[in-house]
Amino acid sequence: MRQKANRSLILLAILFVTAACCLFVFPDSWWSRMLLYTAEAGLVGALADLFAVTVLFRHPFGIRWIPHTAIIPKNRDKLIEGVANMVEQQLLSKQLLKEKVQQISLVEIAIAWIDRRPSGALAEQGWTLLSATLAKLDLKGLSVAADRELRKSIGRMNLSPYAGKALKWVLDKGDFQGWLTQLVEFAAERAQGEDVKAAIRDLLAKEKDKFVNQGSVFSKWLKKMAVEIAESTNALNLDDATNALYEDLQKLIRELKDPQHELRVLLEKMVYQLADSLQHREDVAAAINEWRDEAVEQISLLPSIEAVLEHFRKLLTEDTGLQPVPADAPRSVNQSDIKLLINRFIESYWEWFKGNEETKGWLEQYAQRFVHKIIETEHAVIGLIVRKTLEGFTEQRLVEFIESKVETDLQRIRLNGAYIGAALGAAFYLLLYGVYEPLLQMF
């Protein structure tokens, strides 16, 4: 198009010279004057439009003192700001972007994109993402955070009502008296034999020594003398006392084997009362919570959490390379088992998700709100990108960029100036010499 415009300018210049020569040779011929009018007007129009198109982008012939030239380079900042505002406020306005986003289903687009991928790619990528995340995970920091959050959660938890409900459920659903019977049987086994008698005699001997050695010197002397007299008269016999206590203990254990024994019935009643107190009494709840706080303060869960996480990471990220084992041998869990399980879970969940319109609708609403929020908060980034991009252009590159986008239309303007100028020149000649001059001669 530029070549066509240049050719039209050269053609009009040649036509103008030819018309001037014809007018000189044939001064009285109407066609020579008309040809000169036409060529002159077309040449002026072509030159004027060439000047207009040129001064938009540069100084004609490099002459800087000509006013109102190189308009675009001189107004570079205004042009950049205007383009950025036009793109941000009109071409890609907030309302327009929101309307376009509402016209599409983000979830369906994502589902279609994932379904176009090879079979099993979703599960494989899910496994890869999980493995890569675990491999790069800071287990020490995660363990510390998990321990801290677990302690906080336990510290905020009121254990007393839960303990009361659990205890009452155990009493209602379990066999409390049967458990007591097992406990009594265990006590009966442990209470048999000479070892128990020896333990009872040691206990009585310690109590005797404790009695004798308490008090002042005189009282100690009196107690010692009294004990010696009692032992010499057989009024105090530790062996007899031991046998008596041992027999009483055996008798008590035999009686406790009866589920209707008053002590067992009382114990069950007291346990039920404890379950009720745990649920409703504030003082008991306060005592349980105090014990909870002490336990949380003293017991550290960090080593256990870190060990579990480390074992889990090794299981998922390191292939143990276990050899096949016999069918009757204990089955060990390895990486391939977990990978297969996770892949099956991902694939089954994906199929369920594609058929669940309620879940997709909820996710679509969330995605739409998220995108709208991004548009609302980050919309200015569009103008910023345009400004940064255009500001990176030098004046010459900016001129070349804009000129390349409108080159064809600008050259067409030059062609239009030449053609319309020539047509107007011919029209003015006809109007002046075909209409105006004859009318003037008539009057």
Protein backbone atom coordinates (compact mmCIF):
# COMPACT_ATOMS: atom_id res chain seq x y z
CA MET A 1 0.00 0.00 0.00
CA ARG A 2 2.89 2.36 0.66
CA GLN A 3 4.21 1.63 -2.84
CA LYS A 4 0.80 2.42 -4.33
CA ALA A 5 0.65 5.72 -2.45
CA ASN A 6 4.17 6.67 -3.59
CA ARG A 7 3.35 5.74 -7.17
CA SER A 8 0.21 7.88 -7.09
CA LEU A 9 2.27 10.83 -5.81
CA ILE A 10 4.89 10.40 -8.57
CA LEU A 11 2.14 9.95 -11.16
CA LEU A 12 0.42 13.18 -10.07
CA ALA A 13 3.74 15.05 -10.11
CA ILE A 14 4.42 13.86 -13.69
CA LEU A 15 0.83 14.69 -14.63
CA PHE A 16 1.21 18.15 -13.13
CA VAL A 17 4.37 18.86 -15.16
CA THR A 18 2.72 17.47 -18.28
CA ALA A 19 -0.39 19.61 -17.71
CA ALA A 20 1.75 22.74 -17.23
CA CYS A 21 3.55 22.05 -20.53
CA CYS A 22 0.23 21.43 -22.31
CA LEU A 23 -1.16 24.69 -20.97
CA PHE A 24 1.92 26.49 -22.21
CA VAL A 25 1.57 24.91 -25.66
CA PHE A 26 -2.21 25.13 -25.82
CA PRO A 27 -3.12 28.13 -23.65
CA ASP A 28 -6.63 28.45 -25.04
CA SER A 29 -7.60 24.77 -24.77
CA TRP A 30 -10.11 23.92 -22.01
CA TRP A 31 -8.79 20.43 -21.54
CA SER A 32 -5.23 21.67 -20.77
CA ARG A 33 -6.59 23.94 -18.04
CA MET A 34 -8.80 21.16 -16.67
CA LEU A 35 -5.86 18.75 -16.69
CA LEU A 36 -3.77 21.30 -14.77
CA TYR A 37 -6.55 21.87 -12.23
CA THR A 38 -6.94 18.14 -11.69
CA ALA A 39 -3.22 17.37 -11.41
CA GLU A 40 -2.58 20.38 -9.19
CA ALA A 41 -5.38 19.57 -6.73
CA GLY A 42 -4.45 15.88 -6.63
CA LEU A 43 -0.77 16.71 -6.07
CA VAL A 44 -1.65 19.13 -3.27
CA GLY A 45 -3.92 16.54 -1.61
CA ALA A 46 -1.28 13.82 -1.89
CA LEU A 47 1.47 16.07 -0.51
CA ALA A 48 -0.76 17.34 2.31
CA ASP A 49 -1.70 13.82 3.40
CA LEU A 50 1.91 12.68 3.10
CA PHE A 51 2.91 15.55 5.38
CA ALA A 52 0.08 14.77 7.80
CA VAL A 53 0.96 11.08 7.97
CA THR A 54 4.64 11.81 8.38
CA VAL A 55 4.34 14.40 11.16
CA LEU A 56 2.39 11.93 13.27
CA PHE A 57 5.51 9.85 13.78
CA ARG A 58 8.59 11.96 12.95
CA HIS A 59 9.99 15.33 11.92
CA PRO A 60 9.79 15.85 8.11
CA PHE A 61 13.28 15.69 6.63
CA GLY A 62 14.63 15.69 10.21
CA ILE A 63 13.75 19.40 10.63
CA ARG A 64 12.81 19.82 14.31
CA TRP A 65 11.86 23.52 14.22
CA ILE A 66 8.68 22.85 12.23
CA PRO A 67 5.86 23.10 14.80
CA HIS A 68 3.34 20.32 15.50
CA THR A 69 5.49 17.49 14.14
CA ALA A 70 6.52 14.12 15.64
CA ILE A 71 3.24 14.20 17.55
CA ILE A 72 3.36 10.61 18.84
CA PRO A 73 6.96 10.73 20.22
CA LYS A 74 6.27 14.08 21.86
CA ASN A 75 3.13 12.74 23.55
CA ARG A 76 4.62 9.36 24.42
CA ASP A 77 3.60 9.46 28.11
CA LYS A 78 0.06 10.65 27.34
CA LEU A 79 -0.26 7.99 24.66
CA ILE A 80 0.90 5.22 27.02
CA GLU A 81 -1.50 6.38 29.73
CA GLY A 82 -4.35 6.65 27.25
CA VAL A 83 -3.76 3.18 25.84
CA ALA A 84 -3.47 1.69 29.35
CA ASN A 85 -6.70 3.38 30.46
CA MET A 86 -8.51 2.29 27.30
CA VAL A 87 -7.46 -1.35 27.76
CA GLU A 88 -8.16 -1.32 31.50
CA GLN A 89 -11.42 0.63 31.52
CA GLN A 90 -13.01 -0.30 28.19
CA LEU A 91 -11.50 -3.27 26.36
CA LEU A 92 -10.95 -5.33 29.52
CA SER A 93 -13.13 -3.59 32.10
CA LYS A 94 -14.13 -5.26 35.35
CA GLN A 95 -17.76 -5.64 34.33
CA LEU A 96 -16.85 -7.07 30.93
CA LEU A 97 -14.47 -9.63 32.42
CA LYS A 98 -17.05 -10.67 35.03
CA GLU A 99 -19.74 -11.08 32.36
CA LYS A 100 -17.40 -13.18 30.19
CA VAL A 101 -16.46 -15.38 33.16
CA GLN A 102 -20.14 -15.91 34.04
CA GLN A 103 -20.85 -17.09 30.51
CA ILE A 104 -18.51 -20.07 30.87
CA SER A 105 -18.32 -22.99 33.29
CA LEU A 106 -14.92 -23.03 34.86
CA VAL A 107 -15.44 -26.48 36.39
CA GLU A 108 -16.56 -28.06 33.11
CA ILE A 109 -13.55 -26.54 31.32
CA ALA A 110 -11.24 -28.00 33.96
CA ILE A 111 -12.96 -31.42 33.74
CA ALA A 112 -12.72 -31.45 29.94
CA TRP A 113 -9.05 -30.50 30.07
CA ILE A 114 -8.25 -33.27 32.55
CA ASP A 115 -10.28 -35.87 30.61
CA ARG A 116 -8.35 -35.07 27.44
CA ARG A 117 -5.18 -36.23 29.11
CA PRO A 118 -3.98 -39.85 28.82
CA SER A 119 -5.70 -42.50 30.91
CA GLY A 120 -4.33 -42.69 34.43
CA ALA A 121 -2.52 -39.35 34.14
CA LEU A 122 -4.61 -37.77 36.89
CA ALA A 123 -3.87 -40.51 39.42
CA GLU A 124 -0.21 -40.61 38.43
CA GLN A 125 0.17 -36.86 38.81
CA GLY A 126 -1.66 -37.00 42.13
CA TRP A 127 0.81 -39.61 43.36
CA THR A 128 3.76 -37.63 41.98
CA LEU A 129 2.55 -34.46 43.69
CA LEU A 130 2.06 -36.28 46.99
CA SER A 131 5.49 -37.93 46.82
CA ALA A 132 7.25 -34.68 45.83
CA THR A 133 5.49 -32.77 48.60
CA LEU A 134 6.43 -35.35 51.21
CA ALA A 135 10.03 -35.52 49.96
CA LYS A 136 10.48 -31.76 50.35
CA LEU A 137 8.52 -31.50 53.57
CA ASP A 138 10.23 -30.12 56.66
CA LEU A 139 9.24 -32.90 59.05
CA LYS A 140 10.91 -31.25 62.02
CA GLY A 141 8.98 -28.03 61.59
CA LEU A 142 5.77 -29.90 60.78
CA SER A 143 6.18 -32.11 63.85
CA VAL A 144 6.74 -29.08 66.09
CA ALA A 145 3.68 -27.37 64.62
CA ALA A 146 1.57 -30.53 64.94
CA ASP A 147 2.70 -31.02 68.55
CA ARG A 148 1.93 -27.40 69.36
CA GLU A 149 -1.52 -27.52 67.76
CA LEU A 150 -2.29 -30.88 69.37
CA ARG A 151 -1.36 -29.52 72.77
CA LYS A 152 -3.52 -26.46 72.20
CA SER A 153 -6.45 -28.64 71.08
CA ILE A 154 -6.13 -30.91 74.09
CA GLY A 155 -5.74 -27.87 76.35
CA ARG A 156 -8.98 -26.38 75.04
CA MET A 157 -10.85 -29.67 75.34
CA ASN A 158 -13.04 -30.29 78.41
CA LEU A 159 -12.27 -33.97 79.02
CA SER A 160 -14.50 -34.46 82.03
CA PRO A 161 -17.90 -34.83 80.22
CA TYR A 162 -16.37 -37.14 77.61
CA ALA A 163 -14.70 -39.23 80.30
CA GLY A 164 -17.98 -39.48 82.21
CA LYS A 165 -19.94 -40.51 79.12
CA ALA A 166 -17.28 -43.05 78.16
CA LEU A 167 -17.22 -44.53 81.66
CA LYS A 168 -21.02 -44.76 81.80
CA TRP A 169 -21.10 -46.37 78.34
CA VAL A 170 -18.53 -48.94 79.47
CA LEU A 171 -20.57 -49.70 82.60
CA ASP A 172 -23.82 -50.04 80.65
CA LYS A 173 -22.44 -52.06 77.76
CA GLY A 174 -19.79 -54.03 79.61
CA ASP A 175 -19.73 -56.64 82.41
CA PHE A 176 -18.44 -54.67 85.37
CA GLN A 177 -19.04 -57.46 87.89
CA GLY A 178 -17.35 -59.94 85.58
CA TRP A 179 -14.30 -57.70 85.44
CA LEU A 180 -14.33 -57.51 89.25
CA THR A 181 -14.53 -61.30 89.42
CA GLN A 182 -11.45 -61.57 87.21
CA LEU A 183 -9.70 -59.03 89.41
CA VAL A 184 -10.61 -60.97 92.58
CA GLU A 185 -9.38 -64.23 91.00
CA PHE A 186 -6.11 -62.54 90.13
CA ALA A 187 -5.83 -61.21 93.69
CA ALA A 188 -6.57 -64.68 95.09
CA GLU A 189 -3.71 -66.15 93.05
CA ARG A 190 -1.30 -63.44 94.14
CA ALA A 191 -2.35 -63.65 97.81
CA GLN A 192 -1.43 -67.34 98.12
CA GLY A 193 1.86 -68.56 99.56
CA GLU A 194 4.45 -67.76 102.17
CA ASP A 195 5.61 -64.64 100.31
CA VAL A 196 2.41 -62.88 101.26
CA LYS A 197 2.81 -63.88 104.88
CA ALA A 198 6.39 -62.60 104.85
CA ALA A 199 5.24 -59.32 103.41
CA ILE A 200 2.53 -58.99 106.09
CA ARG A 201 5.05 -59.77 108.88
CA ASP A 202 7.51 -57.19 107.48
CA LEU A 203 4.74 -54.63 107.44
CA LEU A 204 3.80 -55.40 111.08
CA ALA A 205 7.45 -55.25 112.13
CA LYS A 206 7.83 -51.84 110.50
CA GLU A 207 4.74 -50.63 112.30
CA LYS A 208 6.10 -51.94 115.62
CA ASP A 209 9.41 -50.16 115.08
CA LYS A 210 7.60 -47.00 114.06
CA PHE A 211 5.48 -47.14 117.25
CA VAL A 212 8.49 -47.70 119.49
CA ASN A 213 10.67 -44.96 117.95
CA GLN A 214 8.11 -42.13 118.08
CA GLY A 215 7.95 -39.59 120.91
CA SER A 216 10.39 -38.35 123.52
CA VAL A 217 13.24 -40.35 125.01
CA PHE A 218 11.23 -41.30 128.09
CA SER A 219 8.16 -42.28 126.04
CA LYS A 220 10.36 -44.34 123.71
CA TRP A 221 11.82 -46.13 126.77
CA LEU A 222 8.37 -46.82 128.18
CA LYS A 223 7.09 -48.07 124.77
CA LYS A 224 10.12 -50.31 124.38
CA MET A 225 9.68 -51.78 127.84
CA ALA A 226 5.95 -52.33 127.21
CA VAL A 227 6.62 -54.08 123.90
CA GLU A 228 9.29 -56.32 125.45
CA ILE A 229 6.95 -57.27 128.31
CA ALA A 230 4.13 -57.97 125.84
CA GLU A 231 6.41 -60.14 123.70
CA SER A 232 7.77 -61.98 126.74
CA THR A 233 4.24 -62.78 127.93
CA ASN A 234 3.16 -63.66 124.39
CA ALA A 235 0.62 -60.81 124.50
CA LEU A 236 2.29 -59.45 121.35
CA ASN A 237 3.19 -62.13 118.82
CA LEU A 238 3.93 -60.96 115.27
CA ASP A 239 3.67 -64.47 113.88
CA ASP A 240 0.19 -64.94 115.32
CA ALA A 241 -0.83 -61.50 114.07
CA THR A 242 0.53 -62.32 110.63
CA ASN A 243 -1.41 -65.58 110.51
CA ALA A 244 -4.58 -63.85 111.66
CA LEU A 245 -4.27 -61.10 109.04
CA TYR A 246 -3.45 -63.65 106.35
CA GLU A 247 -6.53 -65.70 107.21
CA ASP A 248 -8.71 -62.56 107.26
CA LEU A 249 -7.32 -61.60 103.85
CA GLN A 250 -8.10 -65.05 102.41
CA LYS A 251 -11.59 -64.94 103.90
CA LEU A 252 -12.23 -61.47 102.43
CA ILE A 253 -11.08 -62.62 98.97
CA ARG A 254 -13.34 -65.68 99.15
CA GLU A 255 -16.29 -63.51 100.11
CA LEU A 256 -15.53 -61.01 97.33
CA LYS A 257 -15.99 -63.76 94.75
CA ASP A 258 -19.72 -63.39 95.32
CA PRO A 259 -21.09 -60.75 92.82
CA GLN A 260 -23.69 -59.73 95.42
CA HIS A 261 -21.10 -58.87 98.02
CA GLU A 262 -21.89 -55.51 99.56
CA LEU A 263 -18.41 -54.16 98.82
CA ARG A 264 -18.70 -55.04 95.12
CA VAL A 265 -22.19 -53.58 94.91
CA LEU A 266 -20.95 -50.43 96.66
CA LEU A 267 -17.97 -50.20 94.31
CA GLU A 268 -20.19 -50.41 91.22
CA LYS A 269 -22.49 -47.77 92.69
CA MET A 270 -19.54 -45.49 93.39
CA VAL A 271 -18.23 -45.91 89.82
CA TYR A 272 -21.64 -44.89 88.45
CA GLN A 273 -21.58 -41.89 90.77
CA LEU A 274 -18.10 -41.05 89.45
CA ALA A 275 -19.38 -41.19 85.84
CA ASP A 276 -22.24 -38.86 86.77
CA SER A 277 -19.88 -36.52 88.65
CA LEU A 278 -17.55 -36.35 85.68
CA GLN A 279 -20.41 -35.16 83.49
CA HIS A 280 -22.13 -32.69 85.81
CA ARG A 281 -19.94 -31.57 88.72
CA GLU A 282 -17.82 -28.52 88.07
CA ASP A 283 -15.31 -29.26 90.83
CA VAL A 284 -14.64 -32.71 89.37
CA ALA A 285 -14.32 -31.20 85.88
CA ALA A 286 -11.88 -28.62 87.24
CA ALA A 287 -9.78 -31.39 88.82
CA ILE A 288 -9.77 -33.41 85.58
CA ASN A 289 -8.79 -30.32 83.56
CA GLU A 290 -6.01 -29.55 86.01
CA TRP A 291 -4.71 -33.08 85.62
CA ARG A 292 -5.01 -32.67 81.83
CA ASP A 293 -2.93 -29.50 81.88
CA GLU A 294 -0.24 -31.16 84.00
CA ALA A 295 -0.14 -34.17 81.69
CA VAL A 296 0.07 -32.01 78.57
CA GLU A 297 2.85 -29.99 80.15
CA GLN A 298 4.91 -33.02 81.13
CA ILE A 299 4.28 -35.44 78.28
CA SER A 300 5.98 -34.67 74.94
CA LEU A 301 4.31 -35.98 71.78
CA LEU A 302 6.98 -34.53 69.49
CA PRO A 303 9.21 -37.66 69.17
CA SER A 304 6.21 -39.88 68.40
CA ILE A 305 4.78 -37.48 65.82
CA GLU A 306 8.16 -37.04 64.14
CA ALA A 307 8.75 -40.81 64.04
CA VAL A 308 5.31 -41.48 62.52
CA LEU A 309 5.74 -38.79 59.86
CA GLU A 310 9.26 -39.95 58.98
CA HIS A 311 8.11 -43.55 58.64
CA PHE A 312 5.18 -42.48 56.49
CA ARG A 313 7.41 -40.37 54.24
CA LYS A 314 9.89 -43.19 53.75
CA LEU A 315 7.06 -45.56 52.95
CA LEU A 316 5.72 -43.22 50.24
CA THR A 317 8.93 -41.85 48.77
CA GLU A 318 11.38 -44.75 49.01
CA ASP A 319 10.74 -48.04 47.24
CA THR A 320 11.64 -50.76 49.74
CA GLY A 321 12.15 -53.30 46.98
CA LEU A 322 10.59 -56.12 48.95
CA GLN A 323 10.82 -59.55 47.36
CA PRO A 324 7.67 -61.64 46.84
CA VAL A 325 6.71 -63.51 49.95
CA PRO A 326 4.82 -66.80 50.34
CA ALA A 327 1.05 -66.61 50.50
CA ASP A 328 0.97 -67.86 54.09
CA ALA A 329 3.62 -65.41 55.27
CA PRO A 330 2.68 -62.14 56.96
CA ARG A 331 1.95 -59.49 54.34
CA SER A 332 3.99 -56.28 54.60
CA VAL A 333 2.74 -52.98 53.24
CA ASN A 334 5.09 -51.42 50.68
CA GLN A 335 5.09 -48.40 48.42
CA SER A 336 3.35 -50.11 45.51
CA ASP A 337 0.42 -51.10 47.74
CA ILE A 338 -0.09 -47.53 48.96
CA LYS A 339 0.38 -46.12 45.45
CA LEU A 340 -2.23 -48.49 44.05
CA LEU A 341 -4.63 -47.63 46.85
CA ILE A 342 -4.19 -43.87 46.40
CA ASN A 343 -4.50 -44.12 42.59
CA ARG A 344 -7.72 -46.10 42.90
CA PHE A 345 -9.06 -43.59 45.39
CA ILE A 346 -8.24 -40.64 43.11
CA GLU A 347 -9.81 -42.29 40.06
CA SER A 348 -12.96 -43.36 41.88
CA TYR A 349 -13.35 -39.95 43.48
CA TRP A 350 -12.84 -38.28 40.09
CA GLU A 351 -15.63 -40.37 38.51
CA TRP A 352 -17.90 -39.62 41.45
CA PHE A 353 -17.09 -35.92 41.21
CA LYS A 354 -17.92 -35.73 37.47
CA GLY A 355 -21.36 -37.21 38.11
CA ASN A 356 -22.19 -35.17 41.20
CA GLU A 357 -23.93 -32.01 39.97
CA GLU A 358 -24.37 -30.63 43.47
CA THR A 359 -20.66 -30.75 44.23
CA LYS A 360 -19.78 -29.33 40.80
CA GLY A 361 -22.30 -26.53 41.31
CA TRP A 362 -20.82 -25.68 44.69
CA LEU A 363 -17.30 -25.72 43.26
CA GLU A 364 -18.42 -23.60 40.29
CA GLN A 365 -19.86 -20.98 42.65
CA TYR A 366 -16.64 -20.97 44.65
CA ALA A 367 -14.54 -20.69 41.47
CA GLN A 368 -16.72 -17.86 40.13
CA ARG A 369 -16.47 -15.98 43.43
CA PHE A 370 -12.73 -16.52 43.51
CA VAL A 371 -12.24 -15.28 39.94
CA HIS A 372 -14.55 -12.30 40.55
CA LYS A 373 -12.57 -11.44 43.66
CA ILE A 374 -9.32 -11.67 41.70
CA ILE A 375 -10.81 -9.41 39.00
CA GLU A 376 -12.01 -6.95 41.63
CA THR A 377 -8.76 -6.77 43.57
CA GLU A 378 -6.16 -7.30 40.85
CA HIS A 379 -7.81 -5.60 37.86
CA ALA A 380 -5.32 -2.73 38.01
CA VAL A 381 -2.61 -5.23 37.04
CA ILE A 382 -3.93 -5.08 33.45
CA GLY A 383 -3.18 -1.37 33.17
CA LEU A 384 0.12 -1.87 34.97
CA ILE A 385 1.17 -4.55 32.46
CA VAL A 386 0.25 -2.32 29.53
CA ARG A 387 2.14 0.63 31.03
CA LYS A 388 5.23 -1.42 31.85
CA THR A 389 5.23 -2.98 28.39
CA LEU A 390 4.88 0.32 26.52
CA GLU A 391 7.32 2.13 28.82
CA GLY A 392 9.91 -0.45 27.86
CA PHE A 393 9.65 0.71 24.24
CA THR A 394 12.07 3.35 23.00
CA GLU A 395 10.58 6.24 21.03
CA GLN A 396 11.68 4.69 17.77
CA ARG A 397 10.33 1.25 18.67
CA LEU A 398 7.05 2.75 19.90
CA VAL A 399 6.68 4.68 16.64
CA GLU A 400 7.46 1.58 14.60
CA PHE A 401 5.03 -0.48 16.69
CA ILE A 402 2.11 1.94 16.26
CA GLU A 403 2.95 2.67 12.64
CA SER A 404 3.02 -1.04 11.81
CA LYS A 405 -0.48 -1.47 13.20
CA VAL A 406 -2.00 1.36 11.09
CA GLU A 407 0.39 1.33 8.12
CA THR A 408 -2.20 0.14 5.60
CA ASP A 409 -4.85 2.64 6.67
CA LEU A 410 -2.38 5.54 6.69
CA GLN A 411 -1.26 4.79 3.13
CA ARG A 412 -4.89 4.52 2.08
CA ILE A 413 -5.38 8.01 3.49
CA ARG A 414 -2.61 9.20 1.18
CA LEU A 415 -4.29 7.49 -1.79
CA ASN A 416 -7.62 9.00 -0.83
CA GLY A 417 -6.01 12.45 -0.62
CA ALA A 418 -4.59 12.07 -4.14
CA TYR A 419 -7.80 10.72 -5.71
CA ILE A 420 -10.18 13.02 -3.90
CA GLY A 421 -7.91 16.03 -4.52
CA ALA A 422 -7.80 15.26 -8.25
CA ALA A 423 -11.57 14.73 -8.35
CA LEU A 424 -12.20 17.99 -6.50
CA GLY A 425 -9.81 19.84 -8.86
CA ALA A 426 -11.76 18.60 -11.87
CA ALA A 427 -15.06 19.44 -10.15
CA PHE A 428 -13.89 22.98 -9.28
CA TYR A 429 -12.79 23.55 -12.88
CA LEU A 430 -16.15 22.43 -14.23
CA LEU A 431 -17.95 24.58 -11.66
CA LEU A 432 -15.85 27.67 -12.39
CA TYR A 433 -15.63 27.44 -16.19
CA GLY A 434 -18.69 25.39 -16.99
CA VAL A 435 -21.22 27.07 -14.71
CA TYR A 436 -19.94 30.20 -13.00
CA GLU A 437 -18.17 31.86 -15.99
CA PRO A 438 -21.11 31.42 -18.45
CA LEU A 439 -23.52 32.83 -15.86
CA LEU A 440 -21.19 35.77 -15.22
CA GLN A 441 -20.99 36.54 -18.97
CA MET A 442 -24.80 36.42 -19.22
CA PHE A 443 -25.17 39.16 -16.61
